[in-house]
Amino acid sequence: MSFVLRVSNALVHTALIVSILFFGIASAQVEIEIIADEGSKIPITVLPFGGEGEEADLIAEIISADLTKTGLFSIQDVETSWGLSKLKGEDFADWQERKVQNLVVGKFAKLKDGRIQASFWLYDILGQAMSVGYQIKDDPKQLRRTAHHFADLIYEKLTGDKGVFRTKIAYVVRKTDLSALVIADSDGHNPNEIFSSKEPILSPRWSPTGDQIAFVSFLNRRAAVYVVPVNYQTGRVSGKPEVIGPFPGSNSAPAWSPDGKRLAIAISKDGRSDIFSVLLSDRSKVQLTNSRSIDTEPSFSHDGKSIVFTSDRTGQPQIYKASISQVSEVRLTYAGRYNASAQLSPDDSFLALMHYDEGRFNVGTLDMQTGIVQILTKGTLDQSPSIAPNGKVIVYASEANGRGILRFVSKNGRAKLRYLGPKGDDIREPSWGPFIKD
């Protein structure tokens, strides 16, 4: 796996290639493009972990790669023969002379019972104190998860926000004769195919707890919503897919309620489409929208009291908000010829959406207080945005050289990442999973 880092401002144009080692996992090609003022980044030095074998080096490299991809950190390399895992009082002055502000050291060992043990310490050099210390014992196959866990803890300590490095992403891979639903780590590693069909697969959506994925495929030539149980820790299927309904007409665009007890589904019949809330326990449904137009692509608010959705009731697709009690509906988007595929952020402060104007489909955000739309991407066919559970990053589908890829963009537009996928896969329809539960 290779990362290409481009850091740009008015004075600096540098390229850094960071090689990431991995074991028996399909190769992923990732290009990171970061555009930001160097002075606004958090400087951090991550030393190679003490211990024998490639695994010790790999942990430090994954931590550095995770932090780099956020666009918030500046990784500072230093020449050192450092071989210890903890700092003593007299060590701080030496690191301060090296202009190091935040220092990560650690150690790795293979235990006699077959498990691995990894520990890390984050030091505030200027404050001459340890900020975080943590130890994990785990299965050797979970080495990458251990490294992501460390990166999450470092990220949270230095930014105040929860890290998403251990989270999962689901997406659809389109092949010549079938479609496949895949779960992968947030950095693209450990892809697992959990469902495949000769029919198209669309709109995967994680449940709030990460133990189920709803998606759309076809049953008797009609779109139907399925739910498949999964193990979020391993990214593997844990049961057979189950059809929800199906209800008369075409069933599509599933969205989970915050409590995971309901799915909002668009049901199309007789040339119109309305959104219904379906209680999973008994399959009873309640109609949420009622118009002669096409209402689709719902997304629940954090409190479950309202939805945002796409409707063409004014002639072109735009985003609307409706209360679950059906008391009110309001149009949210006016800029651009076409806005669709909206998803509310975890705190309901903004929407991620697909915006069409001047012949280009791009991904942007809409501030729920001001109504201002900010365009974050510059492609021509950027679509299907999905927000990370910390609200800081958006993954979306795009194209490169005629095939589908995933791209990531931070909410502020500073950091951009491109995920090409293993073996040239044609990737579509991403969905970012929830926080992992320890």
Protein backbone atom coordinates (compact mmCIF):
# COMPACT_ATOMS: atom_id res chain seq x y z
CA MET A 1 0.00 0.00 0.00
CA SER A 2 1.45 3.39 -0.89
CA PHE A 3 0.45 6.85 0.17
CA VAL A 4 1.34 9.91 -1.90
CA LEU A 5 1.19 13.05 0.20
CA ARG A 6 1.04 16.47 -1.43
CA VAL A 7 1.19 19.46 0.92
CA SER A 8 0.64 22.80 -0.78
CA ASN A 9 0.60 26.46 0.18
CA ALA A 10 1.94 29.67 -1.36
CA LEU A 11 5.52 28.79 -0.46
CA VAL A 12 5.73 25.03 -0.11
CA HIS A 13 5.17 22.24 -2.63
CA THR A 14 6.45 18.91 -1.38
CA ALA A 15 5.79 15.26 -2.12
CA LEU A 16 6.37 12.47 0.37
CA ILE A 17 5.90 8.78 -0.26
CA VAL A 18 5.18 6.67 2.81
CA SER A 19 5.37 2.91 2.37
CA ILE A 20 2.94 0.92 4.49
CA LEU A 21 3.61 -2.79 5.10
CA PHE A 22 0.84 -5.35 5.41
CA PHE A 23 0.47 -9.10 5.57
CA GLY A 24 -1.67 -11.23 3.24
CA ILE A 25 -4.16 -8.47 2.48
CA ALA A 26 -5.28 -7.33 -0.97
CA SER A 27 -3.36 -4.25 -2.07
CA ALA A 28 -5.08 -0.88 -1.92
CA GLN A 29 -3.83 2.20 -3.72
CA VAL A 30 -4.47 5.45 -1.92
CA GLU A 31 -3.52 8.95 -2.95
CA ILE A 32 -3.69 11.71 -0.35
CA GLU A 33 -3.87 15.33 -1.40
CA ILE A 34 -3.75 17.84 1.43
CA ILE A 35 -4.13 21.58 0.87
CA ALA A 36 -3.62 23.62 4.01
CA ASP A 37 -1.50 26.21 5.75
CA GLU A 38 1.41 24.39 7.38
CA GLY A 39 1.20 26.66 10.40
CA SER A 40 -2.30 25.43 11.21
CA LYS A 41 -1.26 21.81 11.67
CA ILE A 42 -0.47 19.95 14.87
CA PRO A 43 3.18 18.83 14.85
CA ILE A 44 3.78 15.27 15.99
CA THR A 45 6.65 12.78 15.88
CA VAL A 46 5.90 9.04 15.87
CA LEU A 47 8.97 6.94 16.60
CA PRO A 48 9.35 3.32 15.47
CA PHE A 49 8.04 1.05 18.19
CA GLY A 50 10.49 -0.97 20.23
CA GLY A 51 10.37 -4.71 19.60
CA GLU A 52 11.47 -7.26 17.06
CA GLY A 53 9.95 -7.88 13.66
CA GLU A 54 8.19 -5.88 10.99
CA GLU A 55 5.06 -5.60 13.12
CA ALA A 56 6.67 -3.06 15.47
CA ASP A 57 7.51 -0.76 12.55
CA LEU A 58 4.09 -1.32 10.98
CA ILE A 59 2.20 -0.04 14.03
CA ALA A 60 4.07 3.28 13.98
CA GLU A 61 3.61 3.59 10.21
CA ILE A 62 -0.15 3.03 10.42
CA ILE A 63 -0.48 5.62 13.20
CA SER A 64 1.46 8.16 11.11
CA ALA A 65 -0.61 7.40 8.01
CA ASP A 66 -3.90 7.71 9.91
CA LEU A 67 -2.99 11.09 11.38
CA THR A 68 -1.59 12.37 8.08
CA LYS A 69 -4.80 11.59 6.20
CA THR A 70 -6.81 13.97 8.39
CA GLY A 71 -4.92 17.02 7.13
CA LEU A 72 -4.64 18.22 10.73
CA PHE A 73 -1.21 16.86 11.59
CA SER A 74 2.32 17.53 10.43
CA ILE A 75 4.45 14.41 10.88
CA GLN A 76 7.95 15.46 11.96
CA ASP A 77 10.75 13.02 11.25
CA VAL A 78 13.80 13.03 13.50
CA GLU A 79 17.04 11.12 13.42
CA THR A 80 17.37 9.09 16.58
CA SER A 81 18.68 5.84 17.95
CA TRP A 82 15.89 5.88 20.49
CA GLY A 83 15.25 2.40 21.79
CA LEU A 84 13.33 2.95 25.00
CA SER A 85 9.58 3.18 25.38
CA LYS A 86 9.19 5.77 28.13
CA LEU A 87 10.63 9.21 28.76
CA LYS A 88 12.42 10.23 31.91
CA GLY A 89 12.43 13.74 33.28
CA GLU A 90 15.83 14.57 31.80
CA ASP A 91 14.73 13.44 28.32
CA PHE A 92 12.27 16.27 27.74
CA ALA A 93 14.96 18.95 27.29
CA ASP A 94 16.66 16.89 24.59
CA TRP A 95 13.44 16.49 22.61
CA GLN A 96 12.60 20.15 23.06
CA GLU A 97 15.95 21.06 21.51
CA ARG A 98 14.94 18.94 18.51
CA LYS A 99 11.83 21.15 18.12
CA VAL A 100 9.53 18.22 18.91
CA GLN A 101 6.21 19.19 20.52
CA ASN A 102 4.22 15.94 20.61
CA LEU A 103 6.05 12.63 20.75
CA VAL A 104 4.67 9.09 20.37
CA VAL A 105 6.78 6.15 21.54
CA GLY A 106 5.78 2.56 21.99
CA LYS A 107 6.76 -1.07 22.21
CA PHE A 108 5.56 -4.34 20.73
CA ALA A 109 5.92 -7.96 21.86
CA LYS A 110 4.67 -11.42 20.96
CA LEU A 111 3.31 -13.21 24.01
CA LYS A 112 3.76 -16.89 24.82
CA ASP A 113 0.01 -17.52 24.57
CA GLY A 114 0.08 -16.49 20.89
CA ARG A 115 -1.32 -12.99 21.37
CA ILE A 116 0.45 -9.71 20.68
CA GLN A 117 0.95 -6.92 23.19
CA ALA A 118 1.39 -3.32 22.12
CA SER A 119 1.76 -0.19 24.24
CA PHE A 120 2.15 3.48 23.38
CA TRP A 121 2.75 6.76 25.19
CA LEU A 122 1.98 10.25 23.91
CA TYR A 123 4.13 12.97 25.46
CA ASP A 124 3.59 16.72 25.58
CA ILE A 125 7.22 17.81 25.30
CA LEU A 126 6.65 21.49 26.04
CA GLY A 127 4.48 20.61 29.05
CA GLN A 128 6.94 17.88 30.09
CA ALA A 129 4.14 15.40 30.78
CA MET A 130 2.65 12.20 29.44
CA SER A 131 -0.71 12.90 27.79
CA VAL A 132 -1.90 9.36 27.07
CA GLY A 133 -0.66 5.84 27.78
CA TYR A 134 -2.40 2.68 26.62
CA GLN A 135 -1.76 -1.05 26.27
CA ILE A 136 -3.59 -3.67 24.18
CA LYS A 137 -3.34 -7.46 24.10
CA ASP A 138 -4.99 -8.98 21.04
CA ASP A 139 -4.98 -11.57 18.28
CA PRO A 140 -2.05 -11.10 15.86
CA LYS A 141 -4.60 -10.80 13.03
CA GLN A 142 -5.85 -7.60 14.67
CA LEU A 143 -2.57 -5.73 14.44
CA ARG A 144 -3.99 -3.06 12.19
CA ARG A 145 -6.99 -2.58 14.49
CA THR A 146 -4.60 -2.09 17.40
CA ALA A 147 -2.69 0.59 15.49
CA HIS A 148 -5.95 2.32 14.49
CA HIS A 149 -7.04 2.24 18.14
CA PHE A 150 -3.84 4.02 19.16
CA ALA A 151 -4.35 6.60 16.41
CA ASP A 152 -7.94 7.19 17.59
CA LEU A 153 -6.71 7.89 21.13
CA ILE A 154 -3.98 10.27 19.92
CA TYR A 155 -6.39 12.08 17.59
CA GLU A 156 -8.97 12.56 20.33
CA LYS A 157 -6.42 13.83 22.85
CA LEU A 158 -4.94 16.40 20.47
CA THR A 159 -8.12 17.57 18.69
CA GLY A 160 -10.91 16.98 21.21
CA ASP A 161 -12.89 14.95 18.64
CA LYS A 162 -13.29 11.18 18.47
CA GLY A 163 -11.20 9.41 15.86
CA VAL A 164 -12.77 7.21 13.18
CA PHE A 165 -9.77 5.10 12.20
CA ARG A 166 -11.31 1.87 13.57
CA THR A 167 -14.64 2.39 11.86
CA LYS A 168 -15.82 0.47 8.79
CA ILE A 169 -17.02 1.48 5.35
CA ALA A 170 -19.44 -0.49 3.20
CA TYR A 171 -19.52 -0.08 -0.57
CA VAL A 172 -20.66 -1.77 -3.75
CA VAL A 173 -18.24 -3.30 -6.26
CA ARG A 174 -19.60 -3.65 -9.78
CA LYS A 175 -18.14 -6.49 -11.79
CA THR A 176 -18.83 -7.79 -15.28
CA ASP A 177 -21.48 -10.32 -14.31
CA LEU A 178 -22.45 -9.38 -10.75
CA SER A 179 -22.46 -6.80 -7.98
CA ALA A 180 -20.92 -7.34 -4.54
CA LEU A 181 -21.46 -5.66 -1.18
CA VAL A 182 -18.13 -5.17 0.57
CA ILE A 183 -17.09 -4.10 4.08
CA ALA A 184 -13.59 -2.66 4.59
CA ASP A 185 -11.63 -0.78 7.23
CA SER A 186 -11.80 2.99 6.99
CA ASP A 187 -8.38 3.02 5.29
CA GLY A 188 -9.45 0.45 2.67
CA HIS A 189 -7.70 -2.55 4.18
CA ASN A 190 -9.33 -5.91 5.00
CA PRO A 191 -12.07 -5.83 2.34
CA ASN A 192 -14.66 -8.58 2.87
CA GLU A 193 -17.37 -9.42 0.35
CA ILE A 194 -20.53 -10.14 2.35
CA PHE A 195 -23.17 -10.43 -0.38
CA SER A 196 -23.19 -10.77 -4.16
CA SER A 197 -25.89 -10.89 -6.81
CA LYS A 198 -26.28 -10.89 -10.57
CA GLU A 199 -28.75 -8.07 -9.97
CA PRO A 200 -27.55 -4.55 -9.09
CA ILE A 201 -26.91 -3.69 -5.42
CA LEU A 202 -27.71 -0.14 -4.33
CA SER A 203 -27.83 2.17 -1.32
CA PRO A 204 -26.10 0.24 1.50
CA ARG A 205 -26.78 1.83 4.89
CA TRP A 206 -25.35 0.88 8.29
CA SER A 207 -27.63 0.48 11.29
CA PRO A 208 -26.82 2.80 14.24
CA THR A 209 -25.17 -0.06 16.16
CA GLY A 210 -23.26 -1.43 13.17
CA ASP A 211 -24.72 -4.91 13.47
CA GLN A 212 -26.84 -4.69 10.30
CA ILE A 213 -26.67 -3.22 6.81
CA ALA A 214 -29.76 -2.36 4.78
CA PHE A 215 -29.38 -2.31 1.01
CA VAL A 216 -31.39 -2.53 -2.20
CA SER A 217 -31.34 -5.33 -4.72
CA PHE A 218 -33.99 -6.83 -6.97
CA LEU A 219 -36.69 -9.43 -6.32
CA ASN A 220 -38.90 -10.55 -9.20
CA ARG A 221 -37.59 -7.61 -11.26
CA ARG A 222 -38.60 -5.05 -8.65
CA ALA A 223 -36.32 -3.16 -6.29
CA ALA A 224 -36.55 -4.54 -2.76
CA VAL A 225 -34.91 -3.63 0.56
CA TYR A 226 -32.80 -6.25 2.31
CA VAL A 227 -31.18 -6.29 5.75
CA VAL A 228 -28.10 -8.42 6.42
CA PRO A 229 -26.61 -8.99 9.91
CA VAL A 230 -22.88 -8.37 10.26
CA ASN A 231 -20.12 -8.49 12.85
CA TYR A 232 -18.84 -4.93 12.98
CA GLN A 233 -15.55 -5.84 14.65
CA THR A 234 -14.54 -8.34 11.97
CA GLY A 235 -16.40 -6.84 9.03
CA ARG A 236 -17.95 -10.20 8.18
CA VAL A 237 -21.50 -11.36 7.62
CA SER A 238 -23.15 -13.09 10.58
CA GLY A 239 -26.44 -14.25 9.02
CA LYS A 240 -28.54 -14.39 5.88
CA PRO A 241 -30.09 -11.32 4.22
CA GLU A 242 -33.79 -10.78 4.94
CA VAL A 243 -36.24 -8.98 2.67
CA ILE A 244 -38.14 -6.12 4.35
CA GLY A 245 -41.66 -6.40 2.99
CA PRO A 246 -41.57 -6.26 0.08
CA PHE A 247 -44.33 -3.69 -0.23
CA PRO A 248 -46.29 -3.23 -3.47
CA GLY A 249 -44.24 -1.25 -5.96
CA SER A 250 -40.53 -0.52 -6.04
CA ASN A 251 -38.87 -0.32 -2.59
CA SER A 252 -35.64 1.69 -2.36
CA ALA A 253 -33.42 4.22 -0.52
CA PRO A 254 -33.48 2.75 3.02
CA ALA A 255 -32.51 4.90 6.00
CA TRP A 256 -32.25 3.79 9.64
CA SER A 257 -33.96 5.58 12.49
CA PRO A 258 -31.56 6.56 15.32
CA ASP A 259 -32.88 3.79 17.58
CA GLY A 260 -32.47 1.16 14.84
CA LYS A 261 -36.10 0.04 15.17
CA ARG A 262 -37.37 1.54 11.91
CA LEU A 263 -36.36 1.96 8.30
CA ALA A 264 -37.53 4.85 6.16
CA ILE A 265 -38.12 3.46 2.67
CA ALA A 266 -39.14 5.11 -0.60
CA ILE A 267 -42.00 3.16 -2.20
CA SER A 268 -42.74 3.93 -5.85
CA LYS A 269 -46.02 3.08 -7.53
CA ASP A 270 -48.11 4.51 -10.37
CA GLY A 271 -45.51 7.12 -11.31
CA ARG A 272 -45.07 8.62 -7.84
CA SER A 273 -42.84 7.86 -4.89
CA ASP A 274 -43.51 8.48 -1.22
CA ILE A 275 -41.49 7.80 1.92
CA PHE A 276 -42.77 5.41 4.57
CA SER A 277 -41.45 4.53 8.02
CA VAL A 278 -41.44 0.75 8.52
CA LEU A 279 -41.33 -0.79 12.01
CA LEU A 280 -39.02 -3.78 11.70
CA SER A 281 -40.64 -5.80 14.47
CA ASP A 282 -43.98 -6.23 12.68
CA ARG A 283 -43.42 -4.58 9.27
CA SER A 284 -46.17 -2.02 9.91
CA LYS A 285 -45.64 1.21 8.02
CA VAL A 286 -46.54 4.88 8.36
CA GLN A 287 -46.54 7.28 5.42
CA LEU A 288 -44.21 10.26 5.96
CA THR A 289 -44.59 12.19 2.69
CA ASN A 290 -47.55 12.59 0.37
CA SER A 291 -47.18 14.35 -2.96
CA ARG A 292 -47.72 13.68 -6.64
CA SER A 293 -43.99 13.96 -7.22
CA ILE A 294 -41.04 11.68 -6.49
CA ASP A 295 -40.01 11.81 -2.83
CA THR A 296 -36.97 9.64 -2.06
CA GLU A 297 -33.55 9.39 -0.34
CA PRO A 298 -34.62 9.99 3.29
CA SER A 299 -32.21 10.63 6.16
CA PHE A 300 -33.28 10.82 9.81
CA SER A 301 -32.36 13.61 12.19
CA HIS A 302 -30.35 12.73 15.29
CA ASP A 303 -33.46 12.80 17.51
CA GLY A 304 -35.58 10.84 15.02
CA LYS A 305 -38.24 13.58 14.91
CA SER A 306 -37.68 14.65 11.31
CA ILE A 307 -36.25 13.55 7.98
CA VAL A 308 -34.59 15.28 5.09
CA PHE A 309 -35.31 13.91 1.62
CA THR A 310 -35.07 14.56 -2.11
CA SER A 311 -38.15 15.67 -4.05
CA ASP A 312 -38.76 16.94 -7.59
CA ARG A 313 -42.02 18.66 -6.67
CA THR A 314 -40.70 21.99 -8.02
CA GLY A 315 -39.55 20.43 -11.30
CA GLN A 316 -35.95 19.63 -10.33
CA PRO A 317 -34.62 17.52 -7.44
CA GLN A 318 -34.12 19.58 -4.29
CA ILE A 319 -33.74 18.83 -0.57
CA TYR A 320 -36.66 19.17 1.83
CA LYS A 321 -37.17 18.64 5.54
CA ALA A 322 -40.31 17.14 7.06
CA SER A 323 -41.33 16.41 10.63
CA ILE A 324 -42.25 12.81 11.39
CA SER A 325 -45.56 14.08 12.75
CA GLN A 326 -46.22 15.52 9.25
CA VAL A 327 -46.95 18.94 10.69
CA SER A 328 -44.60 20.80 8.39
CA GLU A 329 -42.39 20.52 5.32
CA VAL A 330 -39.80 23.05 4.24
CA ARG A 331 -37.50 23.34 1.24
CA LEU A 332 -33.83 23.56 2.24
CA THR A 333 -31.86 24.00 -1.01
CA TYR A 334 -32.12 26.74 -3.62
CA ALA A 335 -28.58 27.14 -4.98
CA GLY A 336 -27.84 25.11 -8.11
CA ARG A 337 -30.11 23.39 -10.59
CA TYR A 338 -30.21 20.12 -8.68
CA ASN A 339 -29.51 18.90 -5.14
CA ALA A 340 -29.97 15.31 -3.95
CA SER A 341 -28.67 12.44 -1.79
CA ALA A 342 -28.65 14.44 1.44
CA GLN A 343 -27.44 13.00 4.73
CA LEU A 344 -27.68 14.79 8.06
CA SER A 345 -24.53 15.09 10.15
CA PRO A 346 -24.43 13.32 13.55
CA ASP A 347 -25.27 16.59 15.34
CA ASP A 348 -27.75 17.79 12.66
CA SER A 349 -25.68 20.94 12.09
CA PHE A 350 -25.14 20.35 8.38
CA LEU A 351 -26.10 18.21 5.41
CA ALA A 352 -23.79 16.45 3.00
CA LEU A 353 -25.37 16.46 -0.44
CA MET A 354 -24.83 15.98 -4.17
CA HIS A 355 -24.97 19.30 -6.02
CA TYR A 356 -25.41 19.71 -9.78
CA ASP A 357 -24.63 22.90 -11.63
CA GLU A 358 -22.97 23.85 -14.94
CA GLY A 359 -22.78 20.23 -16.06
CA ARG A 360 -20.92 18.97 -12.98
CA PHE A 361 -21.98 16.75 -10.10
CA ASN A 362 -20.13 17.65 -6.92
CA VAL A 363 -20.35 16.96 -3.20
CA GLY A 364 -20.94 19.78 -0.77
CA THR A 365 -22.44 20.71 2.56
CA LEU A 366 -25.41 22.81 3.56
CA ASP A 367 -25.26 24.64 6.88
CA MET A 368 -28.59 24.04 8.61
CA GLN A 369 -28.47 27.42 10.37
CA THR A 370 -27.45 29.71 7.51
CA GLY A 371 -28.61 27.69 4.49
CA ILE A 372 -25.23 28.27 2.82
CA VAL A 373 -24.04 25.55 0.45
CA GLN A 374 -20.27 24.95 0.32
CA ILE A 375 -18.96 22.87 -2.60
CA LEU A 376 -16.10 20.61 -1.47
CA THR A 377 -15.18 18.66 -4.62
CA LYS A 378 -14.17 19.46 -8.18
CA GLY A 379 -15.03 16.31 -10.12
CA THR A 380 -17.66 15.91 -12.79
CA LEU A 381 -19.47 12.88 -11.35
CA ASP A 382 -19.16 13.02 -7.54
CA GLN A 383 -22.11 11.44 -5.74
CA SER A 384 -23.42 9.30 -2.84
CA PRO A 385 -21.89 11.26 0.08
CA SER A 386 -21.72 9.59 3.52
CA ILE A 387 -20.53 11.33 6.69
CA ALA A 388 -18.06 9.86 9.19
CA PRO A 389 -19.55 9.35 12.67
CA ASN A 390 -17.48 12.24 14.08
CA GLY A 391 -18.86 14.58 11.41
CA LYS A 392 -15.39 15.60 10.23
CA VAL A 393 -14.98 13.67 6.96
CA ILE A 394 -17.21 12.75 4.01
CA VAL A 395 -16.70 9.71 1.77
CA TYR A 396 -18.27 9.76 -1.68
CA ALA A 397 -18.26 7.95 -5.02
CA SER A 398 -16.36 9.39 -7.96
CA GLU A 399 -14.64 8.27 -11.15
CA ALA A 400 -11.05 7.98 -12.37
CA ASN A 401 -9.98 6.62 -15.74
CA GLY A 402 -13.46 5.33 -16.47
CA ARG A 403 -14.06 3.33 -13.28
CA GLY A 404 -15.68 4.04 -9.95
CA ILE A 405 -13.51 4.97 -6.98
CA LEU A 406 -14.03 6.39 -3.51
CA ARG A 407 -12.83 9.80 -2.45
CA PHE A 408 -12.70 11.38 0.99
CA VAL A 409 -12.89 15.07 1.82
CA SER A 410 -12.78 16.76 5.21
CA LYS A 411 -15.75 18.93 6.11
CA ASN A 412 -13.58 22.04 5.90
CA GLY A 413 -12.20 20.96 2.51
CA ARG A 414 -8.59 20.89 3.70
CA ALA A 415 -7.84 17.21 3.30
CA LYS A 416 -8.63 15.05 0.28
CA LEU A 417 -7.95 11.37 -0.24
CA ARG A 418 -8.55 9.02 -3.15
CA TYR A 419 -9.14 5.29 -2.66
CA LEU A 420 -8.73 3.28 -5.84
CA GLY A 421 -9.47 -0.08 -4.30
CA PRO A 422 -7.84 -3.48 -4.78
CA LYS A 423 -7.26 -4.95 -8.22
CA GLY A 424 -8.95 -2.16 -10.11
CA ASP A 425 -12.42 -2.68 -8.64
CA ASP A 426 -15.26 -0.46 -9.87
CA ILE A 427 -16.47 0.96 -6.54
CA ARG A 428 -19.76 2.76 -5.87
CA GLU A 429 -22.27 3.71 -3.17
CA PRO A 430 -20.18 4.12 0.01
CA SER A 431 -21.67 4.14 3.50
CA TRP A 432 -19.65 5.03 6.60
CA GLY A 433 -20.34 2.89 9.67
CA PRO A 434 -20.79 4.05 13.28
CA PHE A 435 -18.16 4.31 16.00
CA ILE A 436 -16.82 0.99 17.13
CA LYS A 437 -17.80 -0.05 20.64
CA ASP A 438 -14.96 -1.26 22.85
